[in-house]
Amino acid sequence: MKKIFFIASILGLLTGCYHRTDSPRGSWAKGADLSWLSEMEHDGVAFYKPSEVSGQGSDCIEVLRGMGMNAVRLRVWVNHSTGWSNKEDMLSLAKRAAEAGQRIMIDIHYSDFFADPSHQTIPAAWQNYDYKTMCEAVREHTLDVLYALKEEGIKPEWVQIGNETPNGMLWPMGKVSKPTPTLPKGKEIDEAWGRYAGFTRVGYEAAKEAFSDIIVIVHVDNAYERRDWFWQSMHDNGGKWDMIGLSHYPMMSAWNGGKSWQEMNELAEENIKRLIHDWHCPVMIAEVGMFANDTLSPVVMADFIQRATAIDSCAGIFYWEPEVYGGWRPAEYIPLGWGSYDMGAFTPEGTPSEVMQILLNSQNPNKR
């Protein structure tokens, strides 16, 4: 496997004067995952400021920055067939975000396509690796992504080691499960957790090698769900993290046991507080989404914002792909028969919706 070497004299040329940011490190993050933006622009989708009604439109990042956005999240796939969300695409968007004064979160999936609780597919190029070689691949990929940013003078504030990984990552090698009374903790479970926690630890240490003060996030879905077993198993097996990342989609009742949005928001608030207390670290809402065409969405978002901003160590909220509107869908969705994403936060006219305005107007008084 190709090794990554970084010559100290070359790194010494980096001045350390990274792009400005619109808000200080550690302040309340009002962000958006804009990973589809370059593909949407390629497809001719236009974005407009609230004051605009027609014309060529404006840069989407600038539109959202002007309304209060101060952070951008970008995913990285190892080698997706379309090229979108690969390292080069991420880097192009990161440059634009940094130039617009945005703090940056990098979301490393360690996969060639979406990684989530149901899919954690080993990249095609890594398929035949044993555990030791897989750990080296995790390390080198993490370094490759972060040093690409560093060489451009971009300093990300956060990095995710995996995306929505309650069941582990790099399956089947790093797939884990919850111990139950009928499935006692045993050698097989211990070994699986050891492998997954090992991947996380290797990614953590590589991230710190690139940027010593970067905030490393372990990210799981279902902010409402209490998962003491997950964090305890991660800790017991040597996993490392600085911040816990959660996803929250409170209107997805069909996916979340039929719970009402009110119950989802209440449970998420309780869980955020519990995680902060139990693990002595901040929590970031790394993804949130509301249905684009539901008149109830602003109410749901406002309620969740009120709860989250009242928690001292809740670090902020990122809306997942708010820029999607008008039925647009990425190229890879078409052969899969997938419909368009229906939780964007732009209006049919291409301006930020009320839901997005609520998020971008939010403030945590303890994190200014």
Protein backbone atom coordinates (compact mmCIF):
# COMPACT_ATOMS: atom_id res chain seq x y z
CA MET A 1 0.00 0.00 0.00
CA LYS A 2 1.19 3.47 -0.83
CA LYS A 3 2.54 5.25 2.25
CA ILE A 4 1.89 8.90 3.01
CA PHE A 5 4.95 10.91 3.97
CA PHE A 6 4.92 14.61 4.79
CA ILE A 7 8.24 16.40 4.81
CA ALA A 8 8.67 18.74 7.74
CA SER A 9 10.29 21.43 5.64
CA ILE A 10 7.28 21.51 3.33
CA LEU A 11 4.86 21.76 6.22
CA GLY A 12 7.00 24.53 7.63
CA LEU A 13 6.04 26.62 4.64
CA LEU A 14 2.47 26.65 5.88
CA THR A 15 2.11 29.91 7.74
CA GLY A 16 -0.67 28.81 10.05
CA CYS A 17 -2.66 31.86 8.95
CA TYR A 18 -5.79 30.00 7.94
CA HIS A 19 -8.83 31.59 6.34
CA ARG A 20 -10.86 33.85 8.59
CA THR A 21 -14.01 32.60 10.27
CA ASP A 22 -17.18 34.50 11.04
CA SER A 23 -17.45 33.15 14.58
CA PRO A 24 -14.86 32.00 17.13
CA ARG A 25 -14.02 28.38 17.78
CA GLY A 26 -16.36 26.90 20.34
CA SER A 27 -19.21 29.33 19.71
CA TRP A 28 -22.70 28.18 18.71
CA ALA A 29 -22.52 26.49 15.29
CA LYS A 30 -25.34 27.30 12.87
CA GLY A 31 -24.40 25.09 9.98
CA ALA A 32 -25.41 23.19 6.90
CA ASP A 33 -24.18 20.07 5.16
CA LEU A 34 -23.79 21.32 1.58
CA SER A 35 -22.10 18.25 0.09
CA TRP A 36 -24.44 18.14 -2.92
CA LEU A 37 -23.87 21.79 -3.79
CA SER A 38 -21.27 21.38 -6.54
CA GLU A 39 -23.34 18.73 -8.32
CA MET A 40 -26.45 20.90 -8.09
CA GLU A 41 -24.56 23.83 -9.57
CA HIS A 42 -23.27 21.54 -12.33
CA ASP A 43 -26.91 20.69 -13.08
CA GLY A 44 -27.79 24.38 -13.35
CA VAL A 45 -29.72 24.80 -10.10
CA ALA A 46 -29.82 28.46 -9.00
CA PHE A 47 -30.05 29.89 -5.48
CA TYR A 48 -31.48 33.24 -4.49
CA LYS A 49 -31.32 35.65 -1.60
CA PRO A 50 -34.68 36.37 0.03
CA SER A 51 -34.66 39.78 -1.67
CA GLU A 52 -34.09 38.29 -5.12
CA VAL A 53 -36.99 37.20 -7.30
CA SER A 54 -35.31 36.33 -10.57
CA GLY A 55 -32.06 36.49 -12.50
CA GLN A 56 -28.96 34.34 -12.34
CA GLY A 57 -29.08 33.99 -8.58
CA SER A 58 -26.29 34.10 -6.00
CA ASP A 59 -23.71 31.76 -4.51
CA CYS A 60 -25.55 29.40 -2.13
CA ILE A 61 -22.87 29.65 0.54
CA GLU A 62 -23.07 33.44 0.45
CA VAL A 63 -26.87 33.35 0.58
CA LEU A 64 -26.78 31.28 3.77
CA ARG A 65 -23.83 33.16 5.26
CA GLY A 66 -25.73 36.41 4.83
CA MET A 67 -28.56 34.94 6.90
CA GLY A 68 -26.30 33.83 9.75
CA MET A 69 -24.71 30.51 8.74
CA ASN A 70 -21.26 30.15 10.28
CA ALA A 71 -20.32 26.53 9.60
CA VAL A 72 -20.33 24.06 6.70
CA ARG A 73 -20.21 20.26 6.87
CA LEU A 74 -18.81 18.26 3.94
CA ARG A 75 -18.72 14.50 3.45
CA VAL A 76 -15.86 12.55 1.89
CA TRP A 77 -16.17 9.22 0.10
CA VAL A 78 -13.12 7.17 -0.77
CA ASN A 79 -13.85 6.69 -4.48
CA HIS A 80 -17.42 7.20 -5.60
CA SER A 81 -18.08 6.36 -9.24
CA THR A 82 -19.45 9.82 -10.12
CA GLY A 83 -16.59 11.73 -8.49
CA TRP A 84 -18.95 13.85 -6.41
CA SER A 85 -18.12 13.91 -2.68
CA ASN A 86 -14.68 12.45 -3.33
CA LYS A 87 -11.68 14.24 -1.84
CA GLU A 88 -11.27 16.66 -4.74
CA ASP A 89 -14.93 17.71 -4.71
CA MET A 90 -14.86 18.16 -0.93
CA LEU A 91 -11.70 20.23 -1.19
CA SER A 92 -13.23 22.54 -3.79
CA LEU A 93 -16.25 23.20 -1.57
CA ALA A 94 -14.08 23.56 1.52
CA LYS A 95 -12.06 26.31 -0.18
CA ARG A 96 -15.23 28.23 -0.94
CA ALA A 97 -16.58 27.73 2.56
CA ALA A 98 -13.32 28.88 4.15
CA GLU A 99 -13.16 31.95 1.92
CA ALA A 100 -16.70 32.77 3.07
CA GLY A 101 -15.55 32.72 6.70
CA GLN A 102 -17.19 29.40 7.56
CA ARG A 103 -16.00 26.97 10.20
CA ILE A 104 -15.69 23.52 8.66
CA MET A 105 -16.67 20.00 9.66
CA ILE A 106 -15.34 17.11 7.59
CA ASP A 107 -17.47 13.95 7.59
CA ILE A 108 -15.31 10.96 6.57
CA HIS A 109 -17.52 8.00 5.61
CA TYR A 110 -14.74 5.44 4.96
CA SER A 111 -16.88 4.10 2.13
CA ASP A 112 -17.43 4.71 -1.57
CA PHE A 113 -21.06 5.74 -0.98
CA PHE A 114 -23.35 6.72 1.87
CA ALA A 115 -22.48 5.16 5.22
CA ASP A 116 -25.35 4.96 7.71
CA PRO A 117 -26.81 2.50 10.26
CA SER A 118 -27.86 0.16 7.44
CA HIS A 119 -24.85 0.54 5.15
CA GLN A 120 -21.18 0.60 6.11
CA THR A 121 -19.66 -0.87 2.98
CA ILE A 122 -15.91 -1.34 2.74
CA PRO A 123 -14.48 0.70 -0.16
CA ALA A 124 -13.87 -1.42 -3.27
CA ALA A 125 -10.13 -0.80 -3.10
CA TRP A 126 -9.99 -2.09 0.49
CA GLN A 127 -12.10 -5.23 0.08
CA ASN A 128 -9.34 -7.79 0.60
CA TYR A 129 -7.57 -6.14 3.52
CA ASP A 130 -6.97 -7.88 6.82
CA TYR A 131 -7.53 -5.96 10.06
CA LYS A 132 -4.02 -4.57 10.33
CA THR A 133 -4.06 -3.35 6.73
CA MET A 134 -7.56 -1.92 7.17
CA CYS A 135 -6.37 0.11 10.15
CA GLU A 136 -3.53 1.44 8.03
CA ALA A 137 -6.01 2.33 5.28
CA VAL A 138 -8.15 4.25 7.80
CA ARG A 139 -5.08 6.10 9.01
CA GLU A 140 -3.77 6.97 5.56
CA HIS A 141 -7.17 8.02 4.21
CA THR A 142 -7.73 10.27 7.23
CA LEU A 143 -4.30 11.86 6.79
CA ASP A 144 -4.77 12.21 3.04
CA VAL A 145 -8.06 14.08 3.47
CA LEU A 146 -6.87 16.36 6.27
CA TYR A 147 -3.46 17.16 4.82
CA ALA A 148 -5.13 18.08 1.52
CA LEU A 149 -7.00 20.75 3.48
CA LYS A 150 -3.90 21.80 5.40
CA GLU A 151 -1.90 22.29 2.22
CA GLU A 152 -4.60 24.74 1.08
CA GLY A 153 -4.38 26.66 4.36
CA ILE A 154 -7.75 25.38 5.53
CA LYS A 155 -8.12 24.36 9.16
CA PRO A 156 -11.26 22.33 9.87
CA GLU A 157 -12.65 22.69 13.37
CA TRP A 158 -14.23 19.22 13.48
CA VAL A 159 -13.82 15.84 11.81
CA GLN A 160 -16.14 12.85 12.00
CA ILE A 161 -14.53 9.42 12.13
CA GLY A 162 -17.36 7.61 10.40
CA ASN A 163 -20.95 8.58 9.66
CA GLU A 164 -23.87 7.29 11.75
CA THR A 165 -22.03 4.31 13.19
CA PRO A 166 -24.18 2.82 16.00
CA ASN A 167 -23.59 -0.55 14.37
CA GLY A 168 -19.92 0.03 13.65
CA MET A 169 -18.21 0.67 10.31
CA LEU A 170 -16.34 -1.15 7.55
CA TRP A 171 -18.64 -4.16 7.59
CA PRO A 172 -18.41 -7.03 8.24
CA MET A 173 -15.01 -6.54 9.87
CA GLY A 174 -16.09 -3.66 12.07
CA LYS A 175 -19.77 -4.51 12.54
CA VAL A 176 -20.93 -4.43 16.17
CA SER A 177 -24.14 -5.21 18.01
CA LYS A 178 -25.78 -4.43 21.30
CA PRO A 179 -25.24 -6.98 24.10
CA THR A 180 -28.59 -8.31 25.35
CA PRO A 181 -29.64 -10.62 28.21
CA THR A 182 -30.08 -13.44 25.69
CA LEU A 183 -26.79 -12.60 23.95
CA PRO A 184 -24.22 -12.32 26.72
CA LYS A 185 -21.01 -10.52 26.17
CA GLY A 186 -18.60 -13.01 24.67
CA LYS A 187 -15.42 -13.39 22.69
CA GLU A 188 -17.05 -12.75 19.29
CA ILE A 189 -18.72 -9.57 20.51
CA ASP A 190 -15.53 -8.42 22.24
CA GLU A 191 -13.48 -8.94 19.08
CA ALA A 192 -15.96 -7.05 16.91
CA TRP A 193 -16.02 -4.12 19.32
CA GLY A 194 -12.25 -4.21 19.53
CA ARG A 195 -12.00 -3.89 15.75
CA TYR A 196 -14.54 -1.07 15.48
CA ALA A 197 -13.10 0.86 18.43
CA GLY A 198 -9.68 0.29 16.90
CA PHE A 199 -10.74 1.90 13.63
CA THR A 200 -12.09 4.87 15.55
CA ARG A 201 -8.92 5.17 17.62
CA VAL A 202 -6.69 5.03 14.54
CA GLY A 203 -8.80 7.71 12.84
CA TYR A 204 -8.71 9.85 15.98
CA GLU A 205 -4.94 9.66 16.26
CA ALA A 206 -4.44 10.39 12.55
CA ALA A 207 -6.69 13.44 12.81
CA LYS A 208 -4.65 14.76 15.75
CA GLU A 209 -1.47 14.14 13.77
CA ALA A 210 -2.76 16.44 11.03
CA PHE A 211 -4.31 19.07 13.34
CA SER A 212 -3.48 18.72 17.02
CA ASP A 213 -6.48 20.74 18.17
CA ILE A 214 -9.11 19.38 15.79
CA ILE A 215 -12.30 18.18 17.50
CA VAL A 216 -12.92 14.53 16.70
CA ILE A 217 -16.55 13.39 16.55
CA VAL A 218 -18.10 9.94 16.77
CA HIS A 219 -21.53 10.20 15.15
CA VAL A 220 -24.66 8.08 15.62
CA ASP A 221 -28.25 8.46 14.45
CA ASN A 222 -31.47 8.86 16.45
CA ALA A 223 -30.77 11.66 18.90
CA TYR A 224 -33.84 10.53 20.82
CA GLU A 225 -32.49 7.02 21.47
CA ARG A 226 -30.63 6.21 24.66
CA ARG A 227 -27.57 4.13 23.82
CA ASP A 228 -25.55 3.83 27.02
CA TRP A 229 -24.33 0.43 25.81
CA PHE A 230 -22.76 1.94 22.70
CA TRP A 231 -20.68 4.60 24.43
CA GLN A 232 -19.69 2.24 27.24
CA SER A 233 -18.57 -0.43 24.76
CA MET A 234 -16.67 2.14 22.73
CA HIS A 235 -14.93 3.39 25.86
CA ASP A 236 -14.19 -0.08 27.22
CA ASN A 237 -12.54 -1.11 23.95
CA GLY A 238 -10.30 1.92 23.63
CA GLY A 239 -12.33 4.08 21.27
CA LYS A 240 -11.59 7.80 21.35
CA TRP A 241 -13.65 10.91 20.74
CA ASP A 242 -13.79 14.58 21.78
CA MET A 243 -17.42 15.26 20.91
CA ILE A 244 -20.55 13.21 20.34
CA GLY A 245 -22.44 13.79 17.10
CA LEU A 246 -26.15 13.01 16.73
CA SER A 247 -28.68 13.01 13.87
CA HIS A 248 -32.21 14.22 14.53
CA TYR A 249 -35.14 13.80 12.14
CA PRO A 250 -38.14 14.31 14.44
CA MET A 251 -40.82 14.11 11.75
CA MET A 252 -39.81 10.63 10.58
CA SER A 253 -42.34 8.86 12.78
CA ALA A 254 -42.50 5.82 10.50
CA TRP A 255 -38.77 5.27 11.06
CA ASN A 256 -38.78 6.16 14.73
CA GLY A 257 -41.29 3.81 16.28
CA GLY A 258 -44.33 5.98 15.61
CA LYS A 259 -43.30 8.63 18.11
CA SER A 260 -44.74 12.12 17.73
CA TRP A 261 -42.41 14.99 16.92
CA GLN A 262 -43.04 16.42 20.38
CA GLU A 263 -41.91 13.19 22.00
CA MET A 264 -38.92 12.98 19.66
CA ASN A 265 -37.78 16.49 20.58
CA GLU A 266 -38.29 15.89 24.30
CA LEU A 267 -36.35 12.62 24.22
CA ALA A 268 -33.56 14.19 22.17
CA GLU A 269 -33.23 16.99 24.73
CA GLU A 270 -33.04 14.48 27.57
CA ASN A 271 -30.49 12.36 25.73
CA ILE A 272 -28.25 15.30 24.86
CA LYS A 273 -28.16 16.32 28.52
CA ARG A 274 -27.48 12.75 29.63
CA LEU A 275 -24.62 12.27 27.17
CA ILE A 276 -22.99 15.54 28.22
CA HIS A 277 -23.27 14.56 31.88
CA ASP A 278 -22.16 10.94 31.52
CA TRP A 279 -19.26 11.45 29.13
CA HIS A 280 -18.12 14.96 30.06
CA CYS A 281 -17.98 16.12 26.45
CA PRO A 282 -20.06 18.43 24.23
CA VAL A 283 -22.71 17.18 21.82
CA MET A 284 -23.21 18.40 18.25
CA ILE A 285 -26.39 17.91 16.26
CA ALA A 286 -24.50 16.89 13.13
CA GLU A 287 -27.67 16.41 11.09
CA VAL A 288 -31.21 17.70 11.36
CA GLY A 289 -34.02 17.68 8.81
CA MET A 290 -37.68 18.64 8.48
CA PHE A 291 -40.14 17.91 5.67
CA ALA A 292 -39.92 20.66 3.08
CA ASN A 293 -43.62 20.86 2.23
CA ASP A 294 -45.11 20.41 5.69
CA THR A 295 -46.51 23.58 7.28
CA LEU A 296 -45.72 22.06 10.68
CA SER A 297 -41.97 21.98 10.01
CA PRO A 298 -41.23 25.52 11.30
CA VAL A 299 -43.03 24.69 14.55
CA VAL A 300 -41.01 21.49 14.97
CA MET A 301 -37.73 23.26 14.23
CA ALA A 302 -38.49 26.18 16.55
CA ASP A 303 -39.33 23.78 19.39
CA PHE A 304 -36.11 21.82 18.91
CA ILE A 305 -34.01 24.98 18.61
CA GLN A 306 -35.46 26.29 21.87
CA ARG A 307 -34.51 23.06 23.63
CA ALA A 308 -31.01 22.74 22.12
CA THR A 309 -29.96 26.35 22.70
CA ALA A 310 -30.82 26.05 26.39
CA ILE A 311 -28.19 23.31 26.87
CA ASP A 312 -24.79 24.79 27.73
CA SER A 313 -22.65 22.08 26.13
CA CYS A 314 -24.75 21.55 23.03
CA ALA A 315 -22.29 22.85 20.42
CA GLY A 316 -24.65 23.62 17.54
CA ILE A 317 -26.81 22.25 14.74
CA PHE A 318 -26.15 21.37 11.10
CA TYR A 319 -29.05 21.06 8.66
CA TRP A 320 -28.53 18.18 6.24
CA GLU A 321 -28.54 19.31 2.60
CA PRO A 322 -30.91 22.30 2.99
CA GLU A 323 -30.09 23.51 -0.54
CA VAL A 324 -32.16 20.77 -2.22
CA TYR A 325 -35.39 22.00 -3.80
CA GLY A 326 -37.50 21.64 -6.93
CA GLY A 327 -37.30 17.86 -7.13
CA TRP A 328 -33.56 17.79 -7.83
CA ARG A 329 -31.81 14.51 -7.16
CA PRO A 330 -28.19 13.40 -7.57
CA ALA A 331 -27.15 11.35 -10.58
CA GLU A 332 -26.64 8.14 -8.61
CA TYR A 333 -30.24 8.18 -7.36
CA ILE A 334 -31.70 7.73 -10.84
CA PRO A 335 -30.47 4.17 -11.61
CA LEU A 336 -31.28 3.21 -8.02
CA GLY A 337 -34.87 4.37 -8.50
CA TRP A 338 -34.66 6.73 -5.53
CA GLY A 339 -36.78 9.85 -5.37
CA SER A 340 -35.54 13.32 -4.53
CA TYR A 341 -34.66 14.32 -0.98
CA ASP A 342 -37.81 15.80 0.58
CA MET A 343 -36.28 17.55 3.60
CA GLY A 344 -34.51 20.43 1.90
CA ALA A 345 -34.89 23.89 3.43
CA PHE A 346 -35.21 26.06 0.35
CA THR A 347 -38.50 27.21 -1.13
CA PRO A 348 -39.71 26.26 -4.63
CA GLU A 349 -38.43 29.70 -5.67
CA GLY A 350 -34.89 28.84 -4.57
CA THR A 351 -34.68 30.97 -1.42
CA PRO A 352 -34.03 29.72 2.16
CA SER A 353 -37.24 28.58 3.79
CA GLU A 354 -38.68 29.61 7.15
CA VAL A 355 -37.18 26.45 8.70
CA MET A 356 -33.69 27.51 7.63
CA GLN A 357 -34.25 31.06 8.83
CA ILE A 358 -35.23 29.74 12.28
CA LEU A 359 -32.00 27.76 12.51
CA LEU A 360 -29.79 30.58 11.26
CA ASN A 361 -31.35 33.05 13.69
CA SER A 362 -30.70 30.78 16.67
CA GLN A 363 -28.35 31.66 19.52
CA ASN A 364 -27.06 29.77 22.52
CA PRO A 365 -26.41 32.56 25.05
CA ASN A 366 -23.69 30.51 26.72
CA LYS A 367 -21.68 29.97 23.52
CA ARG A 368 -21.40 33.43 21.93
